[in-house]
Amino acid sequence: MAEFELKKYDEVPIGGVVTGGATPELNETGDWRSNRPIFDEDKCIQCLLCWSHCPDASFYIEDEEVQGIDYDHCKGCGICAEICPVDAITMVPEGEDSEDE
Protein backbone atom coordinates (compact mmCIF):
# COMPACT_ATOMS: atom_id res chain seq x y z
CA MET A 1 0.00 0.00 0.00
CA ALA A 2 1.34 3.42 -0.99
CA GLU A 3 2.09 5.84 1.79
CA PHE A 4 0.12 9.09 1.76
CA GLU A 5 1.93 12.26 2.72
CA LEU A 6 0.05 15.43 3.63
CA LYS A 7 1.15 18.57 1.88
CA LYS A 8 2.08 21.65 3.83
CA TYR A 9 -0.12 24.73 3.55
CA ASP A 10 2.24 26.44 1.10
CA GLU A 11 2.38 23.35 -1.14
CA VAL A 12 -1.36 23.12 -1.72
CA PRO A 13 -2.49 24.84 -4.96
CA ILE A 14 -4.95 27.70 -4.65
CA GLY A 15 -8.38 26.66 -5.80
CA GLY A 16 -11.89 28.03 -5.86
CA VAL A 17 -10.86 31.65 -5.77
CA VAL A 18 -13.45 34.15 -6.99
CA THR A 19 -11.67 37.36 -7.81
CA GLY A 20 -13.56 40.65 -7.92
CA GLY A 21 -17.28 41.17 -8.35
CA ALA A 22 -18.93 38.92 -5.78
CA THR A 23 -18.73 41.15 -2.72
CA PRO A 24 -21.75 42.10 -0.61
CA GLU A 25 -20.99 45.78 -1.09
CA LEU A 26 -21.49 45.48 -4.85
CA ASN A 27 -24.58 43.26 -4.82
CA GLU A 28 -27.79 44.54 -3.32
CA THR A 29 -29.74 41.42 -2.39
CA GLY A 30 -32.35 42.84 -0.01
CA ASP A 31 -35.21 42.32 -2.44
CA TRP A 32 -34.88 38.54 -1.96
CA ARG A 33 -36.35 38.54 1.53
CA SER A 34 -39.88 37.72 2.58
CA ASN A 35 -39.37 38.86 6.20
CA ARG A 36 -37.61 41.98 7.45
CA PRO A 37 -35.87 42.63 10.80
CA ILE A 38 -37.06 45.63 12.79
CA PHE A 39 -34.54 47.13 15.23
CA ASP A 40 -35.79 48.60 18.53
CA GLU A 41 -33.09 51.01 19.70
CA ASP A 42 -34.72 51.42 23.12
CA LYS A 43 -34.37 47.70 23.93
CA CYS A 44 -30.87 47.29 22.47
CA ILE A 45 -28.02 46.72 24.98
CA GLN A 46 -25.32 47.07 22.27
CA CYS A 47 -23.95 43.55 22.71
CA LEU A 48 -23.32 43.48 18.91
CA LEU A 49 -24.34 39.81 18.65
CA CYS A 50 -26.61 40.72 15.73
CA TRP A 51 -23.70 42.30 13.88
CA SER A 52 -21.27 39.46 14.58
CA HIS A 53 -23.75 36.76 13.48
CA CYS A 54 -25.18 38.50 10.41
CA PRO A 55 -24.02 36.62 7.29
CA ASP A 56 -24.64 39.68 5.12
CA ALA A 57 -22.95 42.40 7.22
CA SER A 58 -26.27 44.26 7.21
CA PHE A 59 -25.89 46.27 10.41
CA TYR A 60 -24.72 49.86 10.49
CA ILE A 61 -22.22 50.21 13.34
CA GLU A 62 -20.78 53.52 14.52
CA ASP A 63 -18.65 54.00 17.64
CA GLU A 64 -19.24 50.32 18.50
CA GLU A 65 -23.02 50.75 18.56
CA VAL A 66 -25.76 49.50 16.26
CA GLN A 67 -27.19 52.43 14.31
CA GLY A 68 -29.62 50.55 12.07
CA ILE A 69 -30.06 47.88 9.43
CA ASP A 70 -28.92 47.98 5.81
CA TYR A 71 -32.05 46.75 4.05
CA ASP A 72 -30.33 46.83 0.65
CA HIS A 73 -28.23 43.83 1.71
CA CYS A 74 -30.34 42.07 4.38
CA LYS A 75 -31.87 38.83 3.08
CA GLY A 76 -34.22 38.44 6.07
CA CYS A 77 -32.73 35.21 7.41
CA GLY A 78 -33.71 36.11 11.01
CA ILE A 79 -30.44 35.07 12.65
CA CYS A 80 -30.17 38.52 14.26
CA ALA A 81 -33.63 38.22 15.84
CA GLU A 82 -32.88 34.71 17.12
CA ILE A 83 -29.52 35.66 18.65
CA CYS A 84 -30.66 38.94 20.29
CA PRO A 85 -30.77 38.35 24.09
CA VAL A 86 -33.22 41.22 24.75
CA ASP A 87 -35.59 40.86 21.76
CA ALA A 88 -34.51 44.20 20.30
CA ILE A 89 -34.97 42.76 16.80
CA THR A 90 -38.23 41.31 15.55
CA MET A 91 -39.06 39.87 12.16
CA VAL A 92 -42.10 41.15 10.26
CA PRO A 93 -43.44 40.15 6.84
CA GLU A 94 -41.93 42.21 4.03
CA GLY A 95 -44.25 45.01 3.01
CA GLU A 96 -45.84 45.36 6.45
CA ASP A 97 -45.82 48.97 7.61
CA SER A 98 -43.10 49.93 10.06
CA GLU A 99 -41.70 53.06 11.63
CA ASP A 100 -38.22 51.78 10.68
CA GLU A 101 -38.43 52.48 6.93
PDB file of N, CA and C in Angstrom:
ATOM      1  N   MET A   1       0.840  -1.176   0.000  1.00  0.00           N
ATOM      2  CA  MET A   1       0.000   0.000   0.000  1.00  0.00           C
ATOM      3  C   MET A   1       0.887   1.242   0.000  1.00  0.00           C
ATOM      4  N   ALA A   2       0.540   2.202  -0.864  1.00  0.00           N
ATOM      5  CA  ALA A   2       1.337   3.419  -0.986  1.00  0.00           C
ATOM      6  C   ALA A   2       1.113   4.309   0.222  1.00  0.00           C
ATOM      7  N   GLU A   3       2.165   4.941   0.652  1.00  0.00           N
ATOM      8  CA  GLU A   3       2.086   5.843   1.793  1.00  0.00           C
ATOM      9  C   GLU A   3       1.595   7.213   1.325  1.00  0.00           C
ATOM     10  N   PHE A   4       0.673   7.778   2.081  1.00  0.00           N
ATOM     11  CA  PHE A   4       0.117   9.090   1.756  1.00  0.00           C
ATOM     12  C   PHE A   4       0.799  10.142   2.618  1.00  0.00           C
ATOM     13  N   GLU A   5       1.265  11.197   1.980  1.00  0.00           N
ATOM     14  CA  GLU A   5       1.926  12.260   2.716  1.00  0.00           C
ATOM     15  C   GLU A   5       1.141  13.551   2.546  1.00  0.00           C
ATOM     16  N   LEU A   6       0.778  14.159   3.680  1.00  0.00           N
ATOM     17  CA  LEU A   6       0.050  15.428   3.629  1.00  0.00           C
ATOM     18  C   LEU A   6       0.962  16.542   3.157  1.00  0.00           C
ATOM     19  N   LYS A   7       0.391  17.411   2.333  1.00  0.00           N
ATOM     20  CA  LYS A   7       1.151  18.566   1.878  1.00  0.00           C
ATOM     21  C   LYS A   7       1.076  19.661   2.922  1.00  0.00           C
ATOM     22  N   LYS A   8       2.086  20.496   2.946  1.00  0.00           N
ATOM     23  CA  LYS A   8       2.081  21.654   3.828  1.00  0.00           C
ATOM     24  C   LYS A   8       1.218  22.732   3.198  1.00  0.00           C
ATOM     25  N   TYR A   9       0.807  23.709   4.021  1.00  0.00           N
ATOM     26  CA  TYR A   9      -0.116  24.733   3.548  1.00  0.00           C
ATOM     27  C   TYR A   9       0.396  25.461   2.310  1.00  0.00           C
ATOM     28  N   ASP A  10       1.697  25.683   2.230  1.00  0.00           N
ATOM     29  CA  ASP A  10       2.237  26.441   1.098  1.00  0.00           C
ATOM     30  C   ASP A  10       2.502  25.569  -0.127  1.00  0.00           C
ATOM     31  N   GLU A  11       2.227  24.263  -0.014  1.00  0.00           N
ATOM     32  CA  GLU A  11       2.384  23.350  -1.145  1.00  0.00           C
ATOM     33  C   GLU A  11       1.053  23.038  -1.833  1.00  0.00           C
ATOM     34  N   VAL A  12      -0.045  23.396  -1.183  1.00  0.00           N
ATOM     35  CA  VAL A  12      -1.363  23.122  -1.724  1.00  0.00           C
ATOM     36  C   VAL A  12      -1.718  24.207  -2.739  1.00  0.00           C
ATOM     37  N   PRO A  13      -2.147  23.821  -3.952  1.00  0.00           N
ATOM     38  CA  PRO A  13      -2.487  24.840  -4.955  1.00  0.00           C
ATOM     39  C   PRO A  13      -3.746  25.611  -4.556  1.00  0.00           C
ATOM     40  N   ILE A  14      -3.790  26.867  -4.929  1.00  0.00           N
ATOM     41  CA  ILE A  14      -4.953  27.697  -4.649  1.00  0.00           C
ATOM     42  C   ILE A  14      -6.085  27.257  -5.568  1.00  0.00           C
ATOM     43  N   GLY A  15      -7.248  27.100  -5.003  1.00  0.00           N
ATOM     44  CA  GLY A  15      -8.385  26.664  -5.799  1.00  0.00           C
ATOM     45  C   GLY A  15      -9.663  27.341  -5.340  1.00  0.00           C
ATOM     46  N   GLY A  16     -10.593  27.466  -6.198  1.00  0.00           N
ATOM     47  CA  GLY A  16     -11.891  28.026  -5.863  1.00  0.00           C
ATOM     48  C   GLY A  16     -11.865  29.504  -5.518  1.00  0.00           C
ATOM     49  N   VAL A  17     -10.960  30.232  -6.054  1.00  0.00           N
ATOM     50  CA  VAL A  17     -10.856  31.653  -5.766  1.00  0.00           C
ATOM     51  C   VAL A  17     -11.745  32.442  -6.725  1.00  0.00           C
ATOM     52  N   VAL A  18     -12.616  33.268  -6.177  1.00  0.00           N
ATOM     53  CA  VAL A  18     -13.447  34.145  -6.986  1.00  0.00           C
ATOM     54  C   VAL A  18     -12.858  35.542  -6.836  1.00  0.00           C
ATOM     55  N   THR A  19     -12.286  36.039  -7.891  1.00  0.00           N
ATOM     56  CA  THR A  19     -11.670  37.362  -7.815  1.00  0.00           C
ATOM     57  C   THR A  19     -12.642  38.417  -8.290  1.00  0.00           C
ATOM     58  N   GLY A  20     -12.715  39.514  -7.539  1.00  0.00           N
ATOM     59  CA  GLY A  20     -13.561  40.648  -7.920  1.00  0.00           C
ATOM     60  C   GLY A  20     -15.037  40.315  -7.949  1.00  0.00           C
ATOM     61  N   GLY A  21     -15.856  41.313  -8.060  1.00  0.00           N
ATOM     62  CA  GLY A  21     -17.280  41.168  -8.349  1.00  0.00           C
ATOM     63  C   GLY A  21     -18.221  40.658  -7.287  1.00  0.00           C
ATOM     64  N   ALA A  22     -17.937  39.574  -6.637  1.00  0.00           N
ATOM     65  CA  ALA A  22     -18.926  38.919  -5.781  1.00  0.00           C
ATOM     66  C   ALA A  22     -18.859  39.373  -4.327  1.00  0.00           C
ATOM     67  N   THR A  23     -18.766  40.649  -4.087  1.00  0.00           N
ATOM     68  CA  THR A  23     -18.727  41.146  -2.723  1.00  0.00           C
ATOM     69  C   THR A  23     -20.097  41.678  -2.327  1.00  0.00           C
ATOM     70  N   PRO A  24     -20.448  41.602  -1.035  1.00  0.00           N
ATOM     71  CA  PRO A  24     -21.754  42.103  -0.608  1.00  0.00           C
ATOM     72  C   PRO A  24     -21.950  43.586  -0.908  1.00  0.00           C
ATOM     73  N   GLU A  25     -20.867  44.349  -0.853  1.00  0.00           N
ATOM     74  CA  GLU A  25     -20.990  45.784  -1.089  1.00  0.00           C
ATOM     75  C   GLU A  25     -21.478  46.089  -2.506  1.00  0.00           C
ATOM     76  N   LEU A  26     -21.134  45.237  -3.453  1.00  0.00           N
ATOM     77  CA  LEU A  26     -21.487  45.481  -4.850  1.00  0.00           C
ATOM     78  C   LEU A  26     -22.811  44.856  -5.272  1.00  0.00           C
ATOM     79  N   ASN A  27     -23.369  43.981  -4.443  1.00  0.00           N
ATOM     80  CA  ASN A  27     -24.576  43.256  -4.823  1.00  0.00           C
ATOM     81  C   ASN A  27     -25.687  43.490  -3.812  1.00  0.00           C
ATOM     82  N   GLU A  28     -26.651  44.293  -4.185  1.00  0.00           N
ATOM     83  CA  GLU A  28     -27.787  44.542  -3.317  1.00  0.00           C
ATOM     84  C   GLU A  28     -28.760  43.375  -3.456  1.00  0.00           C
ATOM     85  N   THR A  29     -28.929  42.640  -2.358  1.00  0.00           N
ATOM     86  CA  THR A  29     -29.738  41.421  -2.390  1.00  0.00           C
ATOM     87  C   THR A  29     -30.950  41.500  -1.479  1.00  0.00           C
ATOM     88  N   GLY A  30     -31.248  42.684  -0.954  1.00  0.00           N
ATOM     89  CA  GLY A  30     -32.346  42.836  -0.014  1.00  0.00           C
ATOM     90  C   GLY A  30     -33.713  42.526  -0.569  1.00  0.00           C
ATOM     91  N   ASP A  31     -33.882  42.599  -1.882  1.00  0.00           N
ATOM     92  CA  ASP A  31     -35.206  42.324  -2.438  1.00  0.00           C
ATOM     93  C   ASP A  31     -35.524  40.827  -2.490  1.00  0.00           C
ATOM     94  N   TRP A  32     -34.633  39.983  -2.011  1.00  0.00           N
ATOM     95  CA  TRP A  32     -34.879  38.544  -1.960  1.00  0.00           C
ATOM     96  C   TRP A  32     -35.737  38.148  -0.766  1.00  0.00           C
ATOM     97  N   ARG A  33     -35.765  38.973   0.263  1.00  0.00           N
ATOM     98  CA  ARG A  33     -36.349  38.537   1.531  1.00  0.00           C
ATOM     99  C   ARG A  33     -37.874  38.571   1.513  1.00  0.00           C
ATOM    100  N   SER A  34     -38.444  37.719   2.372  1.00  0.00           N
ATOM    101  CA  SER A  34     -39.881  37.718   2.582  1.00  0.00           C
ATOM    102  C   SER A  34     -40.220  38.263   3.979  1.00  0.00           C
ATOM    103  N   ASN A  35     -39.214  38.281   4.872  1.00  0.00           N
ATOM    104  CA  ASN A  35     -39.366  38.864   6.202  1.00  0.00           C
ATOM    105  C   ASN A  35     -38.251  39.874   6.427  1.00  0.00           C
ATOM    106  N   ARG A  36     -38.548  40.887   7.237  1.00  0.00           N
ATOM    107  CA  ARG A  36     -37.610  41.977   7.449  1.00  0.00           C
ATOM    108  C   ARG A  36     -37.386  42.172   8.952  1.00  0.00           C
ATOM    109  N   PRO A  37     -36.125  42.367   9.381  1.00  0.00           N
ATOM    110  CA  PRO A  37     -35.871  42.631  10.796  1.00  0.00           C
ATOM    111  C   PRO A  37     -36.181  44.092  11.133  1.00  0.00           C
ATOM    112  N   ILE A  38     -36.781  44.292  12.285  1.00  0.00           N
ATOM    113  CA  ILE A  38     -37.059  45.632  12.787  1.00  0.00           C
ATOM    114  C   ILE A  38     -36.242  45.807  14.069  1.00  0.00           C
ATOM    115  N   PHE A  39     -35.451  46.861  14.122  1.00  0.00           N
ATOM    116  CA  PHE A  39     -34.543  47.132  15.231  1.00  0.00           C
ATOM    117  C   PHE A  39     -35.180  48.126  16.202  1.00  0.00           C
ATOM    118  N   ASP A  40     -35.248  47.743  17.484  1.00  0.00           N
ATOM    119  CA  ASP A  40     -35.792  48.605  18.528  1.00  0.00           C
ATOM    120  C   ASP A  40     -34.629  49.155  19.351  1.00  0.00           C
ATOM    121  N   GLU A  41     -34.246  50.382  19.055  1.00  0.00           N
ATOM    122  CA  GLU A  41     -33.087  51.011  19.698  1.00  0.00           C
ATOM    123  C   GLU A  41     -33.248  51.115  21.222  1.00  0.00           C
ATOM    124  N   ASP A  42     -34.483  51.285  21.687  1.00  0.00           N
ATOM    125  CA  ASP A  42     -34.722  51.421  23.124  1.00  0.00           C
ATOM    126  C   ASP A  42     -34.433  50.127  23.897  1.00  0.00           C
ATOM    127  N   LYS A  43     -34.639  48.984  23.282  1.00  0.00           N
ATOM    128  CA  LYS A  43     -34.372  47.698  23.934  1.00  0.00           C
ATOM    129  C   LYS A  43     -32.917  47.256  23.811  1.00  0.00           C
ATOM    130  N   CYS A  44     -32.219  47.758  22.803  1.00  0.00           N
ATOM    131  CA  CYS A  44     -30.869  47.289  22.474  1.00  0.00           C
ATOM    132  C   CYS A  44     -29.874  47.582  23.609  1.00  0.00           C
ATOM    133  N   ILE A  45     -29.062  46.560  23.956  1.00  0.00           N
ATOM    134  CA  ILE A  45     -28.015  46.720  24.976  1.00  0.00           C
ATOM    135  C   ILE A  45     -26.627  46.810  24.345  1.00  0.00           C
ATOM    136  N   GLN A  46     -26.566  46.915  23.026  1.00  0.00           N
ATOM    137  CA  GLN A  46     -25.316  47.072  22.269  1.00  0.00           C
ATOM    138  C   GLN A  46     -24.326  45.930  22.512  1.00  0.00           C
ATOM    139  N   CYS A  47     -24.832  44.714  22.563  1.00  0.00           N
ATOM    140  CA  CYS A  47     -23.954  43.545  22.707  1.00  0.00           C
ATOM    141  C   CYS A  47     -23.276  43.197  21.381  1.00  0.00           C
ATOM    142  N   LEU A  48     -23.829  43.680  20.271  1.00  0.00           N
ATOM    143  CA  LEU A  48     -23.325  43.476  18.908  1.00  0.00           C
ATOM    144  C   LEU A  48     -23.390  42.022  18.438  1.00  0.00           C
ATOM    145  N   LEU A  49     -24.176  41.190  19.114  1.00  0.00           N
ATOM    146  CA  LEU A  49     -24.338  39.808  18.649  1.00  0.00           C
ATOM    147  C   LEU A  49     -25.006  39.768  17.279  1.00  0.00           C
ATOM    148  N   CYS A  50     -25.943  40.679  17.036  1.00  0.00           N
ATOM    149  CA  CYS A  50     -26.610  40.722  15.730  1.00  0.00           C
ATOM    150  C   CYS A  50     -25.588  40.983  14.626  1.00  0.00           C
ATOM    151  N   TRP A  51     -24.733  41.932  14.857  1.00  0.00           N
ATOM    152  CA  TRP A  51     -23.704  42.296  13.881  1.00  0.00           C
ATOM    153  C   TRP A  51     -22.726  41.148  13.650  1.00  0.00           C
ATOM    154  N   SER A  52     -22.277  40.511  14.729  1.00  0.00           N
ATOM    155  CA  SER A  52     -21.271  39.459  14.578  1.00  0.00           C
ATOM    156  C   SER A  52     -21.836  38.178  13.964  1.00  0.00           C
ATOM    157  N   HIS A  53     -23.144  37.969  14.051  1.00  0.00           N
ATOM    158  CA  HIS A  53     -23.747  36.760  13.481  1.00  0.00           C
ATOM    159  C   HIS A  53     -24.386  36.975  12.114  1.00  0.00           C
ATOM    160  N   CYS A  54     -24.525  38.211  11.687  1.00  0.00           N
ATOM    161  CA  CYS A  54     -25.180  38.499  10.412  1.00  0.00           C
ATOM    162  C   CYS A  54     -24.309  38.031   9.243  1.00  0.00           C
ATOM    163  N   PRO A  55     -24.816  37.099   8.419  1.00  0.00           N
ATOM    164  CA  PRO A  55     -24.020  36.616   7.289  1.00  0.00           C
ATOM    165  C   PRO A  55     -23.885  37.626   6.156  1.00  0.00           C
ATOM    166  N   ASP A  56     -24.660  38.709   6.202  1.00  0.00           N
ATOM    167  CA  ASP A  56     -24.643  39.684   5.118  1.00  0.00           C
ATOM    168  C   ASP A  56     -24.072  41.034   5.520  1.00  0.00           C
ATOM    169  N   ALA A  57     -23.515  41.134   6.733  1.00  0.00           N
ATOM    170  CA  ALA A  57     -22.947  42.398   7.218  1.00  0.00           C
ATOM    171  C   ALA A  57     -23.943  43.541   7.031  1.00  0.00           C
ATOM    172  N   SER A  58     -25.185  43.315   7.467  1.00  0.00           N
ATOM    173  CA  SER A  58     -26.272  44.259   7.211  1.00  0.00           C
ATOM    174  C   SER A  58     -26.563  45.229   8.349  1.00  0.00           C
ATOM    175  N   PHE A  59     -25.665  45.346   9.299  1.00  0.00           N
ATOM    176  CA  PHE A  59     -25.889  46.269  10.408  1.00  0.00           C
ATOM    177  C   PHE A  59     -24.952  47.457  10.302  1.00  0.00           C
ATOM    178  N   TYR A  60     -25.538  48.646  10.454  1.00  0.00           N
ATOM    179  CA  TYR A  60     -24.723  49.858  10.495  1.00  0.00           C
ATOM    180  C   TYR A  60     -24.183  49.994  11.918  1.00  0.00           C
ATOM    181  N   ILE A  61     -22.868  50.066  12.041  1.00  0.00           N
ATOM    182  CA  ILE A  61     -22.221  50.211  13.339  1.00  0.00           C
ATOM    183  C   ILE A  61     -21.405  51.497  13.322  1.00  0.00           C
ATOM    184  N   GLU A  62     -21.565  52.295  14.381  1.00  0.00           N
ATOM    185  CA  GLU A  62     -20.782  53.515  14.519  1.00  0.00           C
ATOM    186  C   GLU A  62     -20.411  53.655  15.991  1.00  0.00           C
ATOM    187  N   ASP A  63     -19.145  53.898  16.258  1.00  0.00           N
ATOM    188  CA  ASP A  63     -18.649  54.003  17.638  1.00  0.00           C
ATOM    189  C   ASP A  63     -19.049  52.782  18.467  1.00  0.00           C
ATOM    190  N   GLU A  64     -18.943  51.601  17.863  1.00  0.00           N
ATOM    191  CA  GLU A  64     -19.238  50.316  18.501  1.00  0.00           C
ATOM    192  C   GLU A  64     -20.684  50.198  18.982  1.00  0.00           C
ATOM    193  N   GLU A  65     -21.597  50.842  18.255  1.00  0.00           N
ATOM    194  CA  GLU A  65     -23.020  50.747  18.562  1.00  0.00           C
ATOM    195  C   GLU A  65     -23.823  50.542  17.280  1.00  0.00           C
ATOM    196  N   VAL A  66     -24.869  49.737  17.392  1.00  0.00           N
ATOM    197  CA  VAL A  66     -25.760  49.504  16.255  1.00  0.00           C
ATOM    198  C   VAL A  66     -26.532  50.784  15.973  1.00  0.00           C
ATOM    199  N   GLN A  67     -26.494  51.217  14.722  1.00  0.00           N
ATOM    200  CA  GLN A  67     -27.192  52.430  14.314  1.00  0.00           C
ATOM    201  C   GLN A  67     -28.414  52.127  13.446  1.00  0.00           C
ATOM    202  N   GLY A  68     -28.496  50.911  12.922  1.00  0.00           N
ATOM    203  CA  GLY A  68     -29.619  50.549  12.071  1.00  0.00           C
ATOM    204  C   GLY A  68     -29.289  49.348  11.208  1.00  0.00           C
ATOM    205  N   ILE A  69     -30.185  49.053  10.295  1.00  0.00           N
ATOM    206  CA  ILE A  69     -30.055  47.880   9.429  1.00  0.00           C
ATOM    207  C   ILE A  69     -29.989  48.322   7.976  1.00  0.00           C
ATOM    208  N   ASP A  70     -29.087  47.724   7.236  1.00  0.00           N
ATOM    209  CA  ASP A  70     -28.920  47.985   5.806  1.00  0.00           C
ATOM    210  C   ASP A  70     -29.863  47.056   5.043  1.00  0.00           C
ATOM    211  N   TYR A  71     -31.048  47.564   4.727  1.00  0.00           N
ATOM    212  CA  TYR A  71     -32.053  46.746   4.050  1.00  0.00           C
ATOM    213  C   TYR A  71     -31.707  46.443   2.594  1.00  0.00           C
ATOM    214  N   ASP A  72     -30.750  47.141   2.019  1.00  0.00           N
ATOM    215  CA  ASP A  72     -30.330  46.834   0.655  1.00  0.00           C
ATOM    216  C   ASP A  72     -29.585  45.498   0.581  1.00  0.00           C
ATOM    217  N   HIS A  73     -29.014  45.073   1.702  1.00  0.00           N
ATOM    218  CA  HIS A  73     -28.234  43.834   1.714  1.00  0.00           C
ATOM    219  C   HIS A  73     -28.828  42.732   2.588  1.00  0.00           C
ATOM    220  N   CYS A  74     -29.730  43.058   3.485  1.00  0.00           N
ATOM    221  CA  CYS A  74     -30.342  42.068   4.382  1.00  0.00           C
ATOM    222  C   CYS A  74     -31.250  41.137   3.589  1.00  0.00           C
ATOM    223  N   LYS A  75     -31.047  39.824   3.766  1.00  0.00           N
ATOM    224  CA  LYS A  75     -31.871  38.828   3.078  1.00  0.00           C
ATOM    225  C   LYS A  75     -33.008  38.315   3.945  1.00  0.00           C
ATOM    226  N   GLY A  76     -33.095  38.809   5.199  1.00  0.00           N
ATOM    227  CA  GLY A  76     -34.215  38.437   6.066  1.00  0.00           C
ATOM    228  C   GLY A  76     -34.112  37.051   6.653  1.00  0.00           C
ATOM    229  N   CYS A  77     -32.910  36.571   6.895  1.00  0.00           N
ATOM    230  CA  CYS A  77     -32.733  35.206   7.415  1.00  0.00           C
ATOM    231  C   CYS A  77     -33.220  35.059   8.856  1.00  0.00           C
ATOM    232  N   GLY A  78     -33.203  36.147   9.639  1.00  0.00           N
ATOM    233  CA  GLY A  78     -33.710  36.106  11.006  1.00  0.00           C
ATOM    234  C   GLY A  78     -32.704  35.693  12.060  1.00  0.00           C
ATOM    235  N   ILE A  79     -31.462  35.454  11.670  1.00  0.00           N
ATOM    236  CA  ILE A  79     -30.438  35.073  12.650  1.00  0.00           C
ATOM    237  C   ILE A  79     -30.302  36.157  13.711  1.00  0.00           C
ATOM    238  N   CYS A  80     -30.326  37.406  13.312  1.00  0.00           N
ATOM    239  CA  CYS A  80     -30.173  38.518  14.255  1.00  0.00           C
ATOM    240  C   CYS A  80     -31.277  38.500  15.308  1.00  0.00           C
ATOM    241  N   ALA A  81     -32.505  38.250  14.904  1.00  0.00           N
ATOM    242  CA  ALA A  81     -33.629  38.217  15.836  1.00  0.00           C
ATOM    243  C   ALA A  81     -33.513  37.028  16.789  1.00  0.00           C
ATOM    244  N   GLU A  82     -33.050  35.908  16.281  1.00  0.00           N
ATOM    245  CA  GLU A  82     -32.882  34.714  17.117  1.00  0.00           C
ATOM    246  C   GLU A  82     -31.770  34.890  18.145  1.00  0.00           C
ATOM    247  N   ILE A  83     -30.692  35.550  17.780  1.00  0.00           N
ATOM    248  CA  ILE A  83     -29.518  35.664  18.647  1.00  0.00           C
ATOM    249  C   ILE A  83     -29.650  36.804  19.663  1.00  0.00           C
ATOM    250  N   CYS A  84     -30.527  37.770  19.423  1.00  0.00           N
ATOM    251  CA  CYS A  84     -30.657  38.940  20.295  1.00  0.00           C
ATOM    252  C   CYS A  84     -31.170  38.532  21.683  1.00  0.00           C
ATOM    253  N   PRO A  85     -30.378  38.796  22.744  1.00  0.00           N
ATOM    254  CA  PRO A  85     -30.767  38.354  24.086  1.00  0.00           C
ATOM    255  C   PRO A  85     -31.880  39.186  24.725  1.00  0.00           C
ATOM    256  N   VAL A  86     -32.199  40.343  24.159  1.00  0.00           N
ATOM    257  CA  VAL A  86     -33.221  41.215  24.752  1.00  0.00           C
ATOM    258  C   VAL A  86     -34.393  41.489  23.810  1.00  0.00           C
ATOM    259  N   ASP A  87     -34.504  40.715  22.737  1.00  0.00           N
ATOM    260  CA  ASP A  87     -35.591  40.857  21.759  1.00  0.00           C
ATOM    261  C   ASP A  87     -35.691  42.269  21.190  1.00  0.00           C
ATOM    262  N   ALA A  88     -34.537  42.871  20.902  1.00  0.00           N
ATOM    263  CA  ALA A  88     -34.512  44.197  20.304  1.00  0.00           C
ATOM    264  C   ALA A  88     -34.715  44.139  18.791  1.00  0.00           C
ATOM    265  N   ILE A  89     -34.749  42.932  18.237  1.00  0.00           N
ATOM    266  CA  ILE A  89     -34.970  42.757  16.804  1.00  0.00           C
ATOM    267  C   ILE A  89     -36.122  41.778  16.623  1.00  0.00           C
ATOM    268  N   THR A  90     -37.114  42.192  15.866  1.00  0.00           N
ATOM    269  CA  THR A  90     -38.235  41.313  15.554  1.00  0.00           C
ATOM    270  C   THR A  90     -38.359  41.211  14.041  1.00  0.00           C
ATOM    271  N   MET A  91     -38.864  40.098  13.579  1.00  0.00           N
ATOM    272  CA  MET A  91     -39.057  39.868  12.158  1.00  0.00           C
ATOM    273  C   MET A  91     -40.522  40.119  11.811  1.00  0.00           C
ATOM    274  N   VAL A  92     -40.739  40.884  10.744  1.00  0.00           N
ATOM    275  CA  VAL A  92     -42.103  41.152  10.262  1.00  0.00           C
ATOM    276  C   VAL A  92     -42.149  40.797   8.771  1.00  0.00           C
ATOM    277  N   PRO A  93     -43.319  40.445   8.270  1.00  0.00           N
ATOM    278  CA  PRO A  93     -43.437  40.155   6.842  1.00  0.00           C
ATOM    279  C   PRO A  93     -43.042  41.368   6.006  1.00  0.00           C
ATOM    280  N   GLU A  94     -42.341  41.124   4.935  1.00  0.00           N
ATOM    281  CA  GLU A  94     -41.929  42.208   4.034  1.00  0.00           C
ATOM    282  C   GLU A  94     -43.183  42.913   3.515  1.00  0.00           C
ATOM    283  N   GLY A  95     -43.134  44.227   3.493  1.00  0.00           N
ATOM    284  CA  GLY A  95     -44.251  45.008   3.014  1.00  0.00           C
ATOM    285  C   GLY A  95     -45.158  45.495   4.128  1.00  0.00           C
ATOM    286  N   GLU A  96     -45.042  44.894   5.319  1.00  0.00           N
ATOM    287  CA  GLU A  96     -45.836  45.358   6.452  1.00  0.00           C
ATOM    288  C   GLU A  96     -45.310  46.710   6.896  1.00  0.00           C
ATOM    289  N   ASP A  97     -46.220  47.637   7.198  1.00  0.00           N
ATOM    290  CA  ASP A  97     -45.820  48.974   7.610  1.00  0.00           C
ATOM    291  C   ASP A  97     -44.973  48.933   8.867  1.00  0.00           C
ATOM    292  N   SER A  98     -44.004  49.843   8.919  1.00  0.00           N
ATOM    293  CA  SER A  98     -43.095  49.929  10.059  1.00  0.00           C
ATOM    294  C   SER A  98     -42.584  51.333  10.178  1.00  0.00           C
ATOM    295  N   GLU A  99     -42.291  51.750  11.399  1.00  0.00           N
ATOM    296  CA  GLU A  99     -41.695  53.060  11.626  1.00  0.00           C
ATOM    297  C   GLU A  99     -40.246  53.083  11.157  1.00  0.00           C
ATOM    298  N   ASP A 100     -39.652  51.903  10.954  1.00  0.00           N
ATOM    299  CA  ASP A 100     -38.218  51.782  10.678  1.00  0.00           C
ATOM    300  C   ASP A 100     -37.840  52.135   9.246  1.00  0.00           C
ATOM    301  N   GLU A 101     -38.777  52.252   8.328  1.00  0.00           N
ATOM    302  CA  GLU A 101     -38.426  52.481   6.928  1.00  0.00           C
ATOM    303  C   GLU A 101     -38.155  53.908   6.616  1.00  0.00           C
TER     304      GLU A 101
END
